Amino acid sequence: MRVRIDREKCVSAGNCVVTAPTVFILDDDEKATLLDVATVDEDTLRVAAELCPTEAIVLETDEGEQTYP
């Protein structure tokens, strides 16, 4: 699974950081940034994406097909 963050959509809610702190961190601009996606399972990544209020977290298959949002 691939994870992308649309930084223009990110409003620094931090739900992703709370849900998967080994995957997401807020950087100096208070925007979500990826750490290590491999540290959690796909279900946790999906929950983090679903909790993002602006749908800034994009999930894709390894082949690049978007699965969320």
N, C-alpha and C. Protein backbone atom coordinates (compact mmCIF):
# COMPACT_ATOMS: atom_id res chain seq x y z
N MET A 1 0.83 -1.17 0.00
CA MET A 1 0.00 0.00 0.00
C MET A 1 0.88 1.23 0.00
N ARG A 2 0.47 2.21 -0.78
CA ARG A 2 1.16 3.50 -0.81
C ARG A 2 0.32 4.54 -0.09
N VAL A 3 0.99 5.49 0.52
CA VAL A 3 0.30 6.59 1.22
C VAL A 3 0.87 7.90 0.71
N ARG A 4 0.00 8.80 0.34
CA ARG A 4 0.41 10.15 -0.05
C ARG A 4 -0.33 11.14 0.83
N ILE A 5 0.27 12.30 1.04
CA ILE A 5 -0.38 13.37 1.79
C ILE A 5 -0.47 14.58 0.89
N ASP A 6 -1.69 15.08 0.73
CA ASP A 6 -1.90 16.33 0.00
C ASP A 6 -1.71 17.46 1.00
N ARG A 7 -0.52 18.03 1.00
CA ARG A 7 -0.17 19.05 2.00
C ARG A 7 -1.01 20.31 1.88
N GLU A 8 -1.56 20.57 0.71
CA GLU A 8 -2.42 21.74 0.55
C GLU A 8 -3.75 21.54 1.27
N LYS A 9 -4.20 20.30 1.37
CA LYS A 9 -5.44 19.99 2.08
C LYS A 9 -5.26 19.85 3.59
N CYS A 10 -4.04 19.54 4.02
CA CYS A 10 -3.78 19.29 5.43
C CYS A 10 -4.04 20.54 6.26
N VAL A 11 -4.86 20.37 7.32
CA VAL A 11 -5.18 21.49 8.21
C VAL A 11 -4.62 21.26 9.63
N SER A 12 -3.72 20.32 9.75
CA SER A 12 -3.01 20.06 11.01
C SER A 12 -3.92 19.59 12.13
N ALA A 13 -4.97 18.87 11.80
CA ALA A 13 -5.87 18.35 12.83
C ALA A 13 -5.15 17.37 13.75
N GLY A 14 -4.21 16.60 13.20
CA GLY A 14 -3.42 15.69 14.01
C GLY A 14 -4.05 14.33 14.26
N ASN A 15 -5.22 14.07 13.69
CA ASN A 15 -5.86 12.77 13.88
C ASN A 15 -4.97 11.63 13.39
N CYS A 16 -4.25 11.87 12.31
CA CYS A 16 -3.36 10.84 11.77
C CYS A 16 -2.23 10.53 12.74
N VAL A 17 -1.70 11.56 13.38
CA VAL A 17 -0.60 11.37 14.33
C VAL A 17 -1.07 10.59 15.55
N VAL A 18 -2.26 10.88 16.01
CA VAL A 18 -2.81 10.16 17.17
C VAL A 18 -3.08 8.70 16.81
N THR A 19 -3.59 8.47 15.60
CA THR A 19 -3.96 7.13 15.17
C THR A 19 -2.74 6.27 14.83
N ALA A 20 -1.75 6.86 14.19
CA ALA A 20 -0.57 6.11 13.75
C ALA A 20 0.69 6.95 13.94
N PRO A 21 1.14 7.11 15.19
CA PRO A 21 2.29 7.99 15.47
C PRO A 21 3.61 7.50 14.89
N THR A 22 3.69 6.25 14.52
CA THR A 22 4.93 5.76 13.90
C THR A 22 4.94 6.01 12.39
N VAL A 23 3.79 6.44 11.86
CA VAL A 23 3.67 6.69 10.43
C VAL A 23 3.63 8.18 10.10
N PHE A 24 2.92 8.94 10.93
CA PHE A 24 2.70 10.36 10.65
C PHE A 24 3.29 11.24 11.75
N ILE A 25 3.77 12.40 11.33
CA ILE A 25 4.25 13.42 12.25
C ILE A 25 3.90 14.77 11.64
N LEU A 26 3.68 15.76 12.49
CA LEU A 26 3.49 17.12 11.98
C LEU A 26 4.86 17.79 11.92
N ASP A 27 5.20 18.34 10.77
CA ASP A 27 6.51 18.96 10.58
C ASP A 27 6.51 20.40 11.10
N ASP A 28 7.56 21.12 10.82
CA ASP A 28 7.71 22.49 11.31
C ASP A 28 6.62 23.43 10.79
N ASP A 29 6.02 23.08 9.65
CA ASP A 29 4.92 23.87 9.09
C ASP A 29 3.57 23.38 9.60
N GLU A 30 3.61 22.43 10.56
CA GLU A 30 2.40 21.83 11.12
C GLU A 30 1.59 21.09 10.05
N LYS A 31 2.28 20.50 9.10
CA LYS A 31 1.65 19.69 8.06
C LYS A 31 2.07 18.24 8.27
N ALA A 32 1.15 17.31 7.99
CA ALA A 32 1.46 15.90 8.15
C ALA A 32 2.56 15.48 7.18
N THR A 33 3.45 14.66 7.70
CA THR A 33 4.57 14.12 6.94
C THR A 33 4.67 12.63 7.27
N LEU A 34 5.09 11.85 6.30
CA LEU A 34 5.23 10.41 6.50
C LEU A 34 6.54 10.06 7.16
N LEU A 35 6.46 9.08 8.07
CA LEU A 35 7.65 8.49 8.66
C LEU A 35 7.85 7.11 8.03
N ASP A 36 7.32 6.07 8.66
CA ASP A 36 7.52 4.70 8.17
C ASP A 36 6.19 3.98 8.05
N VAL A 37 5.67 3.90 6.85
CA VAL A 37 4.37 3.30 6.59
C VAL A 37 4.35 1.83 6.98
N ALA A 38 5.48 1.16 6.91
CA ALA A 38 5.55 -0.28 7.18
C ALA A 38 5.37 -0.64 8.65
N THR A 39 5.28 0.35 9.52
CA THR A 39 5.18 0.07 10.96
C THR A 39 3.78 -0.26 11.43
N VAL A 40 2.76 -0.08 10.57
CA VAL A 40 1.38 -0.41 10.94
C VAL A 40 0.71 -1.19 9.82
N ASP A 41 -0.42 -1.80 10.15
CA ASP A 41 -1.15 -2.57 9.15
C ASP A 41 -2.04 -1.66 8.31
N GLU A 42 -2.56 -2.22 7.23
CA GLU A 42 -3.38 -1.45 6.30
C GLU A 42 -4.66 -0.93 6.94
N ASP A 43 -5.22 -1.69 7.88
CA ASP A 43 -6.44 -1.24 8.56
C ASP A 43 -6.19 0.05 9.34
N THR A 44 -5.05 0.13 10.00
CA THR A 44 -4.71 1.34 10.76
C THR A 44 -4.50 2.52 9.82
N LEU A 45 -3.86 2.28 8.69
CA LEU A 45 -3.68 3.36 7.71
C LEU A 45 -5.02 3.86 7.19
N ARG A 46 -5.95 2.94 6.96
CA ARG A 46 -7.28 3.33 6.47
C ARG A 46 -8.01 4.15 7.53
N VAL A 47 -7.93 3.75 8.78
CA VAL A 47 -8.58 4.51 9.85
C VAL A 47 -7.99 5.92 9.93
N ALA A 48 -6.68 6.02 9.85
CA ALA A 48 -6.03 7.33 9.89
C ALA A 48 -6.52 8.20 8.73
N ALA A 49 -6.61 7.61 7.55
CA ALA A 49 -7.09 8.35 6.38
C ALA A 49 -8.54 8.78 6.55
N GLU A 50 -9.37 7.88 7.06
CA GLU A 50 -10.79 8.19 7.25
C GLU A 50 -11.02 9.25 8.32
N LEU A 51 -10.12 9.34 9.29
CA LEU A 51 -10.26 10.35 10.34
C LEU A 51 -9.76 11.73 9.94
N CYS A 52 -9.09 11.82 8.80
CA CYS A 52 -8.62 13.12 8.32
C CYS A 52 -9.82 13.94 7.86
N PRO A 53 -10.05 15.10 8.47
CA PRO A 53 -11.25 15.87 8.14
C PRO A 53 -11.26 16.47 6.74
N THR A 54 -10.11 16.54 6.09
CA THR A 54 -10.06 17.14 4.75
C THR A 54 -9.67 16.13 3.67
N GLU A 55 -9.62 14.85 4.03
CA GLU A 55 -9.22 13.79 3.10
C GLU A 55 -7.86 14.08 2.46
N ALA A 56 -6.94 14.57 3.26
CA ALA A 56 -5.59 14.88 2.77
C ALA A 56 -4.72 13.63 2.64
N ILE A 57 -5.13 12.54 3.26
CA ILE A 57 -4.37 11.30 3.19
C ILE A 57 -4.96 10.45 2.08
N VAL A 58 -4.12 10.13 1.10
CA VAL A 58 -4.55 9.34 -0.06
C VAL A 58 -3.91 7.97 0.03
N LEU A 59 -4.73 6.93 -0.08
CA LEU A 59 -4.25 5.56 -0.07
C LEU A 59 -4.31 5.00 -1.48
N GLU A 60 -3.27 4.27 -1.85
CA GLU A 60 -3.19 3.66 -3.18
C GLU A 60 -2.67 2.24 -3.05
N THR A 61 -3.03 1.41 -4.01
CA THR A 61 -2.43 0.07 -4.09
C THR A 61 -0.97 0.22 -4.49
N ASP A 62 -0.24 -0.85 -4.41
CA ASP A 62 1.16 -0.82 -4.84
C ASP A 62 1.28 -0.52 -6.33
N GLU A 63 0.21 -0.76 -7.06
CA GLU A 63 0.20 -0.48 -8.50
C GLU A 63 -0.21 0.95 -8.81
N GLY A 64 -0.57 1.73 -7.78
CA GLY A 64 -0.91 3.13 -7.97
C GLY A 64 -2.38 3.43 -8.10
N GLU A 65 -3.25 2.42 -7.93
CA GLU A 65 -4.69 2.64 -7.99
C GLU A 65 -5.18 3.24 -6.67
N GLN A 66 -5.84 4.37 -6.74
CA GLN A 66 -6.32 5.04 -5.54
C GLN A 66 -7.47 4.26 -4.92
N THR A 67 -7.36 3.99 -3.61
CA THR A 67 -8.41 3.26 -2.90
C THR A 67 -9.13 4.13 -1.88
N TYR A 68 -8.54 5.25 -1.51
CA TYR A 68 -9.17 6.21 -0.59
C TYR A 68 -8.55 7.57 -0.81
N PRO A 69 -9.23 8.66 -0.78
CA PRO A 69 -10.70 8.76 -0.77
C PRO A 69 -11.27 8.46 -2.14
